[in-house]
């Protein structure tokens, strides 16, 4: 369940508690929200490997 204002990491799909990096997507109308990711080397970010063998 997501609450208003909670930023979700685009890499691991987990909530970002502190810090974070913003990736601004270009939109002429401003309709696309920015993507967020955990800070580099943040232990809370555990990417899911898709197609791993």
N, C-alpha and C. Protein backbone atom coordinates (compact mmCIF):
# COMPACT_ATOMS: atom_id res chain seq x y z
N UNK A 1 0.85 -1.18 0.00
CA UNK A 1 0.00 0.00 0.00
C UNK A 1 0.89 1.24 0.00
N UNK A 2 0.60 2.18 -0.85
CA UNK A 2 1.39 3.40 -0.98
C UNK A 2 0.62 4.58 -0.40
N UNK A 3 1.35 5.44 0.30
CA UNK A 3 0.71 6.64 0.83
C UNK A 3 1.16 7.83 0.00
N UNK A 4 0.41 8.90 0.06
CA UNK A 4 0.75 10.09 -0.71
C UNK A 4 2.13 10.60 -0.29
N UNK A 5 2.94 10.92 -1.28
CA UNK A 5 4.26 11.45 -1.00
C UNK A 5 5.34 10.40 -0.85
N UNK A 6 4.99 9.13 -0.86
CA UNK A 6 5.99 8.07 -0.76
C UNK A 6 6.68 7.91 -2.10
N UNK A 7 8.00 7.96 -2.10
CA UNK A 7 8.76 7.76 -3.34
C UNK A 7 9.14 6.29 -3.43
N UNK A 8 8.92 5.70 -4.59
CA UNK A 8 9.23 4.30 -4.84
C UNK A 8 10.43 4.22 -5.77
N UNK A 9 11.40 3.38 -5.43
CA UNK A 9 12.62 3.22 -6.22
C UNK A 9 12.29 2.57 -7.56
N UNK A 10 12.77 3.17 -8.64
CA UNK A 10 12.54 2.63 -9.98
C UNK A 10 13.38 1.40 -10.25
N UNK A 11 14.39 1.14 -9.41
CA UNK A 11 15.29 0.00 -9.60
C UNK A 11 14.77 -1.24 -8.89
N UNK A 12 14.34 -1.07 -7.63
CA UNK A 12 13.97 -2.25 -6.84
C UNK A 12 12.50 -2.28 -6.41
N UNK A 13 11.74 -1.24 -6.72
CA UNK A 13 10.31 -1.16 -6.37
C UNK A 13 10.05 -1.13 -4.87
N UNK A 14 11.00 -0.65 -4.09
CA UNK A 14 10.82 -0.52 -2.65
C UNK A 14 10.75 0.96 -2.28
N UNK A 15 10.11 1.30 -1.16
CA UNK A 15 10.03 2.71 -0.75
C UNK A 15 11.41 3.28 -0.41
N UNK A 16 11.59 4.56 -0.70
CA UNK A 16 12.82 5.25 -0.36
C UNK A 16 12.58 5.99 0.94
N UNK A 17 13.29 5.60 1.99
CA UNK A 17 13.09 6.19 3.32
C UNK A 17 13.84 7.51 3.47
N UNK A 18 15.10 7.55 3.05
CA UNK A 18 15.90 8.77 3.18
C UNK A 18 16.69 8.99 1.90
N UNK A 19 16.96 10.24 1.60
CA UNK A 19 17.77 10.57 0.43
C UNK A 19 17.08 10.21 -0.86
N UNK A 20 17.83 9.63 -1.75
CA UNK A 20 17.30 9.23 -3.05
C UNK A 20 17.78 10.16 -4.15
N UNK A 21 17.77 9.64 -5.37
CA UNK A 21 18.16 10.41 -6.55
C UNK A 21 16.94 10.58 -7.44
N UNK A 22 16.75 11.79 -7.93
CA UNK A 22 15.61 12.10 -8.79
C UNK A 22 16.05 12.09 -10.25
N UNK A 23 15.27 11.42 -11.08
CA UNK A 23 15.50 11.40 -12.52
C UNK A 23 14.30 12.08 -13.17
N UNK A 24 14.55 13.29 -13.68
CA UNK A 24 13.46 14.08 -14.25
C UNK A 24 13.25 13.66 -15.70
N UNK A 25 12.03 13.26 -16.00
CA UNK A 25 11.67 12.89 -17.37
C UNK A 25 11.11 14.12 -18.07
N UNK A 26 11.54 14.36 -19.28
CA UNK A 26 11.06 15.54 -20.00
C UNK A 26 9.61 15.36 -20.40
N UNK A 27 8.84 16.39 -20.13
CA UNK A 27 7.45 16.42 -20.54
C UNK A 27 7.07 17.88 -20.76
N UNK A 28 6.66 18.21 -21.95
CA UNK A 28 6.30 19.60 -22.26
C UNK A 28 5.14 20.08 -21.39
N UNK A 29 4.23 19.18 -21.06
CA UNK A 29 3.07 19.58 -20.26
C UNK A 29 3.33 19.41 -18.76
N UNK A 30 4.40 18.71 -18.40
CA UNK A 30 4.67 18.46 -16.98
C UNK A 30 3.83 17.34 -16.41
N UNK A 31 3.19 16.55 -17.27
CA UNK A 31 2.28 15.50 -16.81
C UNK A 31 3.01 14.26 -16.30
N UNK A 32 4.28 14.06 -16.72
CA UNK A 32 5.02 12.87 -16.29
C UNK A 32 5.78 13.16 -15.01
N UNK A 33 5.54 12.40 -13.97
CA UNK A 33 6.29 12.62 -12.72
C UNK A 33 7.73 12.12 -12.86
N UNK A 34 8.58 12.61 -12.00
CA UNK A 34 9.98 12.17 -11.98
C UNK A 34 10.09 10.75 -11.44
N UNK A 35 11.13 10.05 -11.87
CA UNK A 35 11.44 8.74 -11.31
C UNK A 35 12.44 8.95 -10.18
N UNK A 36 12.43 8.06 -9.20
CA UNK A 36 13.33 8.13 -8.06
C UNK A 36 14.08 6.81 -7.90
N UNK A 37 15.27 6.87 -7.37
CA UNK A 37 16.06 5.67 -7.08
C UNK A 37 16.80 5.90 -5.77
N UNK A 38 17.11 4.80 -5.09
CA UNK A 38 17.92 4.90 -3.88
C UNK A 38 19.28 5.50 -4.22
N UNK A 39 19.95 6.07 -3.24
CA UNK A 39 21.31 6.56 -3.43
C UNK A 39 22.21 5.39 -3.80
N UNK A 40 23.30 5.68 -4.51
CA UNK A 40 24.24 4.64 -4.89
C UNK A 40 24.77 3.93 -3.64
N UNK A 41 24.90 2.64 -3.72
CA UNK A 41 25.40 1.77 -2.64
C UNK A 41 24.53 1.76 -1.40
N UNK A 42 23.27 2.18 -1.51
CA UNK A 42 22.35 2.11 -0.38
C UNK A 42 21.97 0.65 -0.17
N UNK A 43 22.21 0.09 1.02
CA UNK A 43 21.91 -1.33 1.25
C UNK A 43 20.41 -1.65 1.17
N UNK A 44 19.55 -0.64 1.24
CA UNK A 44 18.12 -0.88 1.14
C UNK A 44 17.67 -1.22 -0.28
N UNK A 45 18.51 -0.90 -1.27
CA UNK A 45 18.17 -1.16 -2.67
C UNK A 45 18.69 -2.52 -3.08
N UNK A 46 17.78 -3.43 -3.35
CA UNK A 46 18.14 -4.78 -3.78
C UNK A 46 17.40 -5.06 -5.08
N UNK A 47 18.06 -4.72 -6.21
CA UNK A 47 17.40 -4.91 -7.51
C UNK A 47 17.00 -6.36 -7.75
N UNK A 48 15.89 -6.53 -8.40
CA UNK A 48 15.41 -7.85 -8.77
C UNK A 48 16.01 -8.18 -10.13
N UNK A 49 16.69 -9.29 -10.22
CA UNK A 49 17.29 -9.69 -11.50
C UNK A 49 16.27 -10.46 -12.31
N UNK A 50 15.90 -9.91 -13.43
CA UNK A 50 14.94 -10.55 -14.32
C UNK A 50 15.69 -11.43 -15.30
N UNK A 51 15.25 -12.66 -15.44
CA UNK A 51 15.87 -13.58 -16.38
C UNK A 51 17.18 -14.18 -15.89
N UNK A 52 17.45 -14.08 -14.59
CA UNK A 52 18.70 -14.65 -14.04
C UNK A 52 18.63 -16.17 -14.07
N UNK A 53 19.76 -16.78 -14.31
CA UNK A 53 19.80 -18.25 -14.35
C UNK A 53 20.63 -18.78 -13.23
